Amino acid sequence: MGATISVRPKGDQWIAEVAVPHWTEGHTLLLDFGQAAEVTAVWSAELADATPSTATFRLGNTAISGDRFRFKALGRPPPDVRIPCEAPRNT
C-alpha cells in the first residue's frame, strides 16, 4: 500500500495521521507501535483489532484529503511506528 505515518504529541495522548496512497475501502493496515498504546478514537477508518503494541485498521469508504485517516492514542508518542505489511483482508 505504500502507507506512511506522522505522529505528534498532544498532552498525555498522541495523534497520528496515516497516508495510504492506494486507498481501497475495506483493506486493512497493521501498525506496530513498538510500545504499549491504546487507540481511543479513529477517523475515516475503524479499529479492526488491537494488541498492547499493535493496531489493525480497516479503511473506510471516505478518506481525509483523499488518502488519509487519523487516530488518537493514550501515552507517549512512539519513536518509530512500523508498518510491517498489509494485514489479511477479512471478507
PDB file of N, CA and C in Angstrom:
ATOM      1  N   MET A   1       0.808  -1.202   0.000  1.00  0.00           N
ATOM      2  CA  MET A   1       0.000   0.000   0.000  1.00  0.00           C
ATOM      3  C   MET A   1       0.848   1.262   0.000  1.00  0.00           C
ATOM      4  N   GLY A   2       2.096   1.175   0.446  1.00  0.00           N
ATOM      5  CA  GLY A   2       2.963   2.344   0.471  1.00  0.00           C
ATOM      6  C   GLY A   2       2.577   3.372   1.509  1.00  0.00           C
ATOM      7  N   ALA A   3       1.986   2.941   2.616  1.00  0.00           N
ATOM      8  CA  ALA A   3       1.497   3.867   3.644  1.00  0.00           C
ATOM      9  C   ALA A   3       2.644   4.500   4.427  1.00  0.00           C
ATOM     10  N   THR A   4       2.404   5.736   4.883  1.00  0.00           N
ATOM     11  CA  THR A   4       3.350   6.446   5.750  1.00  0.00           C
ATOM     12  C   THR A   4       2.566   7.034   6.917  1.00  0.00           C
ATOM     13  N   ILE A   5       3.279   7.338   8.004  1.00  0.00           N
ATOM     14  CA  ILE A   5       2.611   7.836   9.204  1.00  0.00           C
ATOM     15  C   ILE A   5       3.370   9.012   9.789  1.00  0.00           C
ATOM     16  N   SER A   6       2.629   9.984  10.296  1.00  0.00           N
ATOM     17  CA  SER A   6       3.232  11.084  11.052  1.00  0.00           C
ATOM     18  C   SER A   6       2.529  11.133  12.407  1.00  0.00           C
ATOM     19  N   VAL A   7       3.311  11.400  13.455  1.00  0.00           N
ATOM     20  CA  VAL A   7       2.818  11.363  14.827  1.00  0.00           C
ATOM     21  C   VAL A   7       3.163  12.678  15.508  1.00  0.00           C
ATOM     22  N   ARG A   8       2.209  13.206  16.292  1.00  0.00           N
ATOM     23  CA  ARG A   8       2.501  14.404  17.077  1.00  0.00           C
ATOM     24  C   ARG A   8       1.890  14.264  18.466  1.00  0.00           C
ATOM     25  N   PRO A   9       2.637  14.704  19.490  1.00  0.00           N
ATOM     26  CA  PRO A   9       2.119  14.617  20.852  1.00  0.00           C
ATOM     27  C   PRO A   9       1.009  15.636  21.088  1.00  0.00           C
ATOM     28  N   LYS A  10       0.111  15.300  22.007  1.00  0.00           N
ATOM     29  CA  LYS A  10      -0.955  16.220  22.412  1.00  0.00           C
ATOM     30  C   LYS A  10      -1.304  15.898  23.861  1.00  0.00           C
ATOM     31  N   GLY A  11      -0.651  16.585  24.790  1.00  0.00           N
ATOM     32  CA  GLY A  11      -0.859  16.328  26.212  1.00  0.00           C
ATOM     33  C   GLY A  11      -0.408  14.929  26.587  1.00  0.00           C
ATOM     34  N   ASP A  12      -1.293  14.166  27.241  1.00  0.00           N
ATOM     35  CA  ASP A  12      -0.959  12.801  27.628  1.00  0.00           C
ATOM     36  C   ASP A  12      -1.385  11.794  26.561  1.00  0.00           C
ATOM     37  N   GLN A  13      -1.607  12.300  25.339  1.00  0.00           N
ATOM     38  CA  GLN A  13      -2.002  11.474  24.205  1.00  0.00           C
ATOM     39  C   GLN A  13      -1.121  11.818  23.007  1.00  0.00           C
ATOM     40  N   TRP A  14      -1.353  11.129  21.912  1.00  0.00           N
ATOM     41  CA  TRP A  14      -0.712  11.490  20.657  1.00  0.00           C
ATOM     42  C   TRP A  14      -1.695  11.238  19.528  1.00  0.00           C
ATOM     43  N   ILE A  15      -1.499  11.985  18.462  1.00  0.00           N
ATOM     44  CA  ILE A  15      -2.367  11.891  17.291  1.00  0.00           C
ATOM     45  C   ILE A  15      -1.515  11.484  16.100  1.00  0.00           C
ATOM     46  N   ALA A  16      -2.033  10.573  15.315  1.00  0.00           N
ATOM     47  CA  ALA A  16      -1.321  10.110  14.128  1.00  0.00           C
ATOM     48  C   ALA A  16      -2.180  10.323  12.893  1.00  0.00           C
ATOM     49  N   GLU A  17      -1.504  10.630  11.799  1.00  0.00           N
ATOM     50  CA  GLU A  17      -2.159  10.705  10.501  1.00  0.00           C
ATOM     51  C   GLU A  17      -1.443   9.721   9.595  1.00  0.00           C
ATOM     52  N   VAL A  18      -2.212   8.834   8.998  1.00  0.00           N
ATOM     53  CA  VAL A  18      -1.658   7.791   8.143  1.00  0.00           C
ATOM     54  C   VAL A  18      -2.077   8.075   6.707  1.00  0.00           C
ATOM     55  N   ALA A  19      -1.093   8.213   5.827  1.00  0.00           N
ATOM     56  CA  ALA A  19      -1.360   8.418   4.402  1.00  0.00           C
ATOM     57  C   ALA A  19      -1.298   7.063   3.702  1.00  0.00           C
ATOM     58  N   VAL A  20      -2.343   6.756   2.945  1.00  0.00           N
ATOM     59  CA  VAL A  20      -2.448   5.478   2.231  1.00  0.00           C
ATOM     60  C   VAL A  20      -2.693   5.799   0.758  1.00  0.00           C
ATOM     61  N   PRO A  21      -1.614   5.900  -0.048  1.00  0.00           N
ATOM     62  CA  PRO A  21      -1.768   6.332  -1.443  1.00  0.00           C
ATOM     63  C   PRO A  21      -2.706   5.464  -2.284  1.00  0.00           C
ATOM     64  N   HIS A  22      -2.784   4.179  -1.976  1.00  0.00           N
ATOM     65  CA  HIS A  22      -3.640   3.261  -2.750  1.00  0.00           C
ATOM     66  C   HIS A  22      -4.842   2.856  -1.899  1.00  0.00           C
ATOM     67  N   TRP A  23      -5.617   3.863  -1.482  1.00  0.00           N
ATOM     68  CA  TRP A  23      -6.760   3.676  -0.592  1.00  0.00           C
ATOM     69  C   TRP A  23      -7.809   2.786  -1.260  1.00  0.00           C
ATOM     70  N   THR A  24      -8.179   1.717  -0.580  1.00  0.00           N
ATOM     71  CA  THR A  24      -9.251   0.852  -1.038  1.00  0.00           C
ATOM     72  C   THR A  24     -10.130   0.515   0.162  1.00  0.00           C
ATOM     73  N   GLU A  25     -11.388   0.881   0.082  1.00  0.00           N
ATOM     74  CA  GLU A  25     -12.309   0.617   1.186  1.00  0.00           C
ATOM     75  C   GLU A  25     -12.275  -0.854   1.567  1.00  0.00           C
ATOM     76  N   GLY A  26     -12.200  -1.118   2.874  1.00  0.00           N
ATOM     77  CA  GLY A  26     -12.211  -2.476   3.378  1.00  0.00           C
ATOM     78  C   GLY A  26     -10.841  -3.086   3.584  1.00  0.00           C
ATOM     79  N   HIS A  27      -9.817  -2.543   2.930  1.00  0.00           N
ATOM     80  CA  HIS A  27      -8.471  -3.063   3.155  1.00  0.00           C
ATOM     81  C   HIS A  27      -8.046  -2.768   4.585  1.00  0.00           C
ATOM     82  N   THR A  28      -7.160  -3.598   5.105  1.00  0.00           N
ATOM     83  CA  THR A  28      -6.683  -3.408   6.466  1.00  0.00           C
ATOM     84  C   THR A  28      -5.198  -3.087   6.471  1.00  0.00           C
ATOM     85  N   LEU A  29      -4.789  -2.380   7.508  1.00  0.00           N
ATOM     86  CA  LEU A  29      -3.408  -1.944   7.641  1.00  0.00           C
ATOM     87  C   LEU A  29      -2.979  -2.170   9.086  1.00  0.00           C
ATOM     88  N   LEU A  30      -1.878  -2.892   9.266  1.00  0.00           N
ATOM     89  CA  LEU A  30      -1.336  -3.185  10.587  1.00  0.00           C
ATOM     90  C   LEU A  30      -0.249  -2.172  10.925  1.00  0.00           C
ATOM     91  N   LEU A  31      -0.335  -1.571  12.113  1.00  0.00           N
ATOM     92  CA  LEU A  31       0.690  -0.658  12.607  1.00  0.00           C
ATOM     93  C   LEU A  31       1.299  -1.263  13.862  1.00  0.00           C
ATOM     94  N   ASP A  32       2.621  -1.269  13.932  1.00  0.00           N
ATOM     95  CA  ASP A  32       3.345  -1.774  15.105  1.00  0.00           C
ATOM     96  C   ASP A  32       3.968  -0.574  15.802  1.00  0.00           C
ATOM     97  N   PHE A  33       3.490  -0.265  16.998  1.00  0.00           N
ATOM     98  CA  PHE A  33       3.943   0.920  17.723  1.00  0.00           C
ATOM     99  C   PHE A  33       5.266   0.696  18.442  1.00  0.00           C
ATOM    100  N   GLY A  34       5.653  -0.553  18.670  1.00  0.00           N
ATOM    101  CA  GLY A  34       6.903  -0.841  19.359  1.00  0.00           C
ATOM    102  C   GLY A  34       6.857  -0.559  20.855  1.00  0.00           C
ATOM    103  N   GLN A  35       5.677  -0.269  21.371  1.00  0.00           N
ATOM    104  CA  GLN A  35       5.467   0.007  22.793  1.00  0.00           C
ATOM    105  C   GLN A  35       3.964  -0.071  23.044  1.00  0.00           C
ATOM    106  N   ALA A  36       3.583  -0.063  24.299  1.00  0.00           N
ATOM    107  CA  ALA A  36       2.157  -0.101  24.635  1.00  0.00           C
ATOM    108  C   ALA A  36       1.464   1.165  24.136  1.00  0.00           C
ATOM    109  N   ALA A  37       0.301   0.991  23.553  1.00  0.00           N
ATOM    110  CA  ALA A  37      -0.501   2.116  23.063  1.00  0.00           C
ATOM    111  C   ALA A  37      -1.962   1.696  23.065  1.00  0.00           C
ATOM    112  N   GLU A  38      -2.830   2.611  23.458  1.00  0.00           N
ATOM    113  CA  GLU A  38      -4.268   2.344  23.448  1.00  0.00           C
ATOM    114  C   GLU A  38      -4.946   3.352  22.535  1.00  0.00           C
ATOM    115  N   VAL A  39      -5.436   2.877  21.400  1.00  0.00           N
ATOM    116  CA  VAL A  39      -6.147   3.732  20.457  1.00  0.00           C
ATOM    117  C   VAL A  39      -7.506   4.081  21.056  1.00  0.00           C
ATOM    118  N   THR A  40      -7.803   5.396  21.113  1.00  0.00           N
ATOM    119  CA  THR A  40      -9.044   5.848  21.744  1.00  0.00           C
ATOM    120  C   THR A  40     -10.043   6.458  20.766  1.00  0.00           C
ATOM    121  N   ALA A  41      -9.601   6.833  19.573  1.00  0.00           N
ATOM    122  CA  ALA A  41     -10.508   7.410  18.569  1.00  0.00           C
ATOM    123  C   ALA A  41      -9.894   7.213  17.191  1.00  0.00           C
ATOM    124  N   VAL A  42     -10.768   7.057  16.184  1.00  0.00           N
ATOM    125  CA  VAL A  42     -10.320   6.850  14.805  1.00  0.00           C
ATOM    126  C   VAL A  42     -11.246   7.623  13.879  1.00  0.00           C
ATOM    127  N   TRP A  43     -10.680   8.253  12.854  1.00  0.00           N
ATOM    128  CA  TRP A  43     -11.443   8.985  11.844  1.00  0.00           C
ATOM    129  C   TRP A  43     -11.097   8.446  10.462  1.00  0.00           C
ATOM    130  N   SER A  44     -12.115   8.150   9.639  1.00  0.00           N
ATOM    131  CA  SER A  44     -12.016   7.668   8.257  1.00  0.00           C
ATOM    132  C   SER A  44     -11.487   6.244   8.139  1.00  0.00           C
ATOM    133  N   ALA A  45     -11.499   5.514   9.233  1.00  0.00           N
ATOM    134  CA  ALA A  45     -11.166   4.087   9.256  1.00  0.00           C
ATOM    135  C   ALA A  45     -11.806   3.541  10.519  1.00  0.00           C
ATOM    136  N   GLU A  46     -11.658   2.262  10.759  1.00  0.00           N
ATOM    137  CA  GLU A  46     -12.146   1.702  12.022  1.00  0.00           C
ATOM    138  C   GLU A  46     -11.066   0.803  12.600  1.00  0.00           C
ATOM    139  N   LEU A  47     -11.049   0.713  13.904  1.00  0.00           N
ATOM    140  CA  LEU A  47     -10.104  -0.159  14.587  1.00  0.00           C
ATOM    141  C   LEU A  47     -10.645  -1.578  14.480  1.00  0.00           C
ATOM    142  N   ALA A  48      -9.961  -2.420  13.705  1.00  0.00           N
ATOM    143  CA  ALA A  48     -10.426  -3.786  13.463  1.00  0.00           C
ATOM    144  C   ALA A  48      -9.902  -4.765  14.505  1.00  0.00           C
ATOM    145  N   ASP A  49      -8.694  -4.500  15.031  1.00  0.00           N
ATOM    146  CA  ASP A  49      -8.081  -5.400  16.008  1.00  0.00           C
ATOM    147  C   ASP A  49      -6.965  -4.631  16.705  1.00  0.00           C
ATOM    148  N   ALA A  50      -6.613  -5.090  17.898  1.00  0.00           N
ATOM    149  CA  ALA A  50      -5.525  -4.436  18.628  1.00  0.00           C
ATOM    150  C   ALA A  50      -4.891  -5.419  19.601  1.00  0.00           C
ATOM    151  N   THR A  51      -3.596  -5.240  19.827  1.00  0.00           N
ATOM    152  CA  THR A  51      -2.859  -5.915  20.882  1.00  0.00           C
ATOM    153  C   THR A  51      -2.259  -4.782  21.715  1.00  0.00           C
ATOM    154  N   PRO A  52      -1.539  -5.094  22.788  1.00  0.00           N
ATOM    155  CA  PRO A  52      -0.960  -3.995  23.567  1.00  0.00           C
ATOM    156  C   PRO A  52      -0.021  -3.077  22.776  1.00  0.00           C
ATOM    157  N   SER A  53       0.606  -3.577  21.700  1.00  0.00           N
ATOM    158  CA  SER A  53       1.560  -2.730  20.964  1.00  0.00           C
ATOM    159  C   SER A  53       1.285  -2.622  19.467  1.00  0.00           C
ATOM    160  N   THR A  54       0.144  -3.142  18.996  1.00  0.00           N
ATOM    161  CA  THR A  54      -0.195  -3.031  17.573  1.00  0.00           C
ATOM    162  C   THR A  54      -1.664  -2.660  17.415  1.00  0.00           C
ATOM    163  N   ALA A  55      -2.003  -2.200  16.225  1.00  0.00           N
ATOM    164  CA  ALA A  55      -3.395  -1.941  15.884  1.00  0.00           C
ATOM    165  C   ALA A  55      -3.594  -2.223  14.405  1.00  0.00           C
ATOM    166  N   THR A  56      -4.711  -2.824  14.086  1.00  0.00           N
ATOM    167  CA  THR A  56      -5.084  -3.064  12.695  1.00  0.00           C
ATOM    168  C   THR A  56      -6.298  -2.199  12.397  1.00  0.00           C
ATOM    169  N   PHE A  57      -6.190  -1.418  11.331  1.00  0.00           N
ATOM    170  CA  PHE A  57      -7.256  -0.508  10.932  1.00  0.00           C
ATOM    171  C   PHE A  57      -7.861  -0.976   9.621  1.00  0.00           C
ATOM    172  N   ARG A  58      -9.189  -0.870   9.501  1.00  0.00           N
ATOM    173  CA  ARG A  58      -9.891  -1.160   8.255  1.00  0.00           C
ATOM    174  C   ARG A  58     -10.265   0.176   7.636  1.00  0.00           C
ATOM    175  N   LEU A  59      -9.856   0.367   6.384  1.00  0.00           N
ATOM    176  CA  LEU A  59     -10.105   1.636   5.701  1.00  0.00           C
ATOM    177  C   LEU A  59     -11.584   1.816   5.407  1.00  0.00           C
ATOM    178  N   GLY A  60     -12.061   3.034   5.612  1.00  0.00           N
ATOM    179  CA  GLY A  60     -13.458   3.359   5.380  1.00  0.00           C
ATOM    180  C   GLY A  60     -13.740   3.720   3.933  1.00  0.00           C
ATOM    181  N   ASN A  61     -14.982   4.136   3.669  1.00  0.00           N
ATOM    182  CA  ASN A  61     -15.357   4.467   2.288  1.00  0.00           C
ATOM    183  C   ASN A  61     -14.957   5.884   1.897  1.00  0.00           C
ATOM    184  N   THR A  62     -14.575   6.718   2.860  1.00  0.00           N
ATOM    185  CA  THR A  62     -14.068   8.045   2.544  1.00  0.00           C
ATOM    186  C   THR A  62     -12.801   8.294   3.346  1.00  0.00           C
ATOM    187  N   ALA A  63     -11.901   9.037   2.772  1.00  0.00           N
ATOM    188  CA  ALA A  63     -10.628   9.350   3.416  1.00  0.00           C
ATOM    189  C   ALA A  63     -10.536  10.849   3.661  1.00  0.00           C
ATOM    190  N   ILE A  64      -9.686  11.233   4.595  1.00  0.00           N
ATOM    191  CA  ILE A  64      -9.382  12.640   4.826  1.00  0.00           C
ATOM    192  C   ILE A  64      -8.410  13.074   3.737  1.00  0.00           C
ATOM    193  N   SER A  65      -8.680  14.150   3.064  1.00  0.00           N
ATOM    194  CA  SER A  65      -7.829  14.665   1.981  1.00  0.00           C
ATOM    195  C   SER A  65      -7.564  13.616   0.910  1.00  0.00           C
ATOM    196  N   GLY A  66      -8.498  12.701   0.709  1.00  0.00           N
ATOM    197  CA  GLY A  66      -8.399  11.736  -0.381  1.00  0.00           C
ATOM    198  C   GLY A  66      -7.660  10.452  -0.073  1.00  0.00           C
ATOM    199  N   ASP A  67      -6.699  10.462   0.898  1.00  0.00           N
ATOM    200  CA  ASP A  67      -5.916   9.241   1.116  1.00  0.00           C
ATOM    201  C   ASP A  67      -5.411   9.084   2.549  1.00  0.00           C
ATOM    202  N   ARG A  68      -6.090   9.658   3.529  1.00  0.00           N
ATOM    203  CA  ARG A  68      -5.576   9.636   4.900  1.00  0.00           C
ATOM    204  C   ARG A  68      -6.652   9.274   5.924  1.00  0.00           C
ATOM    205  N   PHE A  69      -6.185   8.684   7.031  1.00  0.00           N
ATOM    206  CA  PHE A  69      -7.035   8.547   8.208  1.00  0.00           C
ATOM    207  C   PHE A  69      -6.236   8.979   9.419  1.00  0.00           C
ATOM    208  N   ARG A  70      -6.946   9.288  10.498  1.00  0.00           N
ATOM    209  CA  ARG A  70      -6.309   9.740  11.731  1.00  0.00           C
ATOM    210  C   ARG A  70      -6.777   8.886  12.891  1.00  0.00           C
ATOM    211  N   PHE A  71      -5.922   8.840  13.907  1.00  0.00           N
ATOM    212  CA  PHE A  71      -6.338   8.210  15.152  1.00  0.00           C
ATOM    213  C   PHE A  71      -5.632   8.865  16.318  1.00  0.00           C
ATOM    214  N   LYS A  72      -6.217   8.665  17.509  1.00  0.00           N
ATOM    215  CA  LYS A  72      -5.671   9.211  18.743  1.00  0.00           C
ATOM    216  C   LYS A  72      -5.386   8.041  19.667  1.00  0.00           C
ATOM    217  N   ALA A  73      -4.280   8.134  20.426  1.00  0.00           N
ATOM    218  CA  ALA A  73      -3.911   7.075  21.357  1.00  0.00           C
ATOM    219  C   ALA A  73      -3.392   7.675  22.659  1.00  0.00           C
ATOM    220  N   LEU A  74      -3.549   6.918  23.737  1.00  0.00           N
ATOM    221  CA  LEU A  74      -3.049   7.334  25.045  1.00  0.00           C
ATOM    222  C   LEU A  74      -1.567   7.015  25.181  1.00  0.00           C
ATOM    223  N   GLY A  75      -0.876   7.814  26.006  1.00  0.00           N
ATOM    224  CA  GLY A  75       0.535   7.551  26.303  1.00  0.00           C
ATOM    225  C   GLY A  75       1.477   8.464  25.554  1.00  0.00           C
ATOM    226  N   ARG A  76       2.749   8.133  25.660  1.00  0.00           N
ATOM    227  CA  ARG A  76       3.764   8.927  24.968  1.00  0.00           C
ATOM    228  C   ARG A  76       3.856   8.488  23.514  1.00  0.00           C
ATOM    229  N   PRO A  77       4.189   9.398  22.618  1.00  0.00           N
ATOM    230  CA  PRO A  77       4.285   9.041  21.204  1.00  0.00           C
ATOM    231  C   PRO A  77       5.393   8.017  20.981  1.00  0.00           C
ATOM    232  N   PRO A  78       5.153   7.031  20.156  1.00  0.00           N
ATOM    233  CA  PRO A  78       6.195   6.053  19.858  1.00  0.00           C
ATOM    234  C   PRO A  78       7.287   6.696  19.004  1.00  0.00           C
ATOM    235  N   PRO A  79       8.560   6.339  19.242  1.00  0.00           N
ATOM    236  CA  PRO A  79       9.642   6.935  18.454  1.00  0.00           C
ATOM    237  C   PRO A  79       9.666   6.461  17.006  1.00  0.00           C
ATOM    238  N   ASP A  80       9.171   5.239  16.761  1.00  0.00           N
ATOM    239  CA  ASP A  80       9.242   4.688  15.403  1.00  0.00           C
ATOM    240  C   ASP A  80       8.091   3.718  15.193  1.00  0.00           C
ATOM    241  N   VAL A  81       7.032   4.167  14.545  1.00  0.00           N
ATOM    242  CA  VAL A  81       5.912   3.288  14.223  1.00  0.00           C
ATOM    243  C   VAL A  81       6.261   2.541  12.942  1.00  0.00           C
ATOM    244  N   ARG A  82       6.114   1.229  12.991  1.00  0.00           N
ATOM    245  CA  ARG A  82       6.397   0.415  11.802  1.00  0.00           C
ATOM    246  C   ARG A  82       5.100  -0.034  11.150  1.00  0.00           C
ATOM    247  N   ILE A  83       5.126  -0.094   9.844  1.00  0.00           N
ATOM    248  CA  ILE A  83       4.012  -0.619   9.065  1.00  0.00           C
ATOM    249  C   ILE A  83       4.577  -1.858   8.370  1.00  0.00           C
ATOM    250  N   PRO A  84       4.575  -3.009   9.090  1.00  0.00           N
ATOM    251  CA  PRO A  84       5.290  -4.179   8.599  1.00  0.00           C
ATOM    252  C   PRO A  84       4.733  -4.759   7.314  1.00  0.00           C
ATOM    253  N   CYS A  85       3.423  -4.782   7.163  1.00  0.00           N
ATOM    254  CA  CYS A  85       2.813  -5.316   5.942  1.00  0.00           C
ATOM    255  C   CYS A  85       1.326  -5.064   6.013  1.00  0.00           C
ATOM    256  N   GLU A  86       0.685  -5.260   4.892  1.00  0.00           N
ATOM    257  CA  GLU A  86      -0.767  -5.174   4.863  1.00  0.00           C
ATOM    258  C   GLU A  86      -1.310  -6.401   5.569  1.00  0.00           C
ATOM    259  N   ALA A  87      -2.243  -6.195   6.465  1.00  0.00           N
ATOM    260  CA  ALA A  87      -2.884  -7.316   7.156  1.00  0.00           C
ATOM    261  C   ALA A  87      -3.808  -8.022   6.172  1.00  0.00           C
ATOM    262  N   PRO A  88      -4.084  -9.302   6.406  1.00  0.00           N
ATOM    263  CA  PRO A  88      -5.004 -10.018   5.524  1.00  0.00           C
ATOM    264  C   PRO A  88      -6.367  -9.348   5.500  1.00  0.00           C
ATOM    265  N   ARG A  89      -7.008  -9.346   4.362  1.00  0.00           N
ATOM    266  CA  ARG A  89      -8.336  -8.736   4.241  1.00  0.00           C
ATOM    267  C   ARG A  89      -9.385  -9.710   4.730  1.00  0.00           C
ATOM    268  N   ASN A  90     -10.260  -9.228   5.561  1.00  0.00           N
ATOM    269  CA  ASN A  90     -11.368 -10.052   6.056  1.00  0.00           C
ATOM    270  C   ASN A  90     -12.554  -9.850   5.146  1.00  0.00           C
ATOM    271  N   THR A  91     -13.011 -10.898   4.494  1.00  0.00           N
ATOM    272  CA  THR A  91     -14.166 -10.771   3.601  1.00  0.00           C
ATOM    273  C   THR A  91     -15.294 -11.645   4.052  1.00  0.00           C
TER     274      THR A  91
END
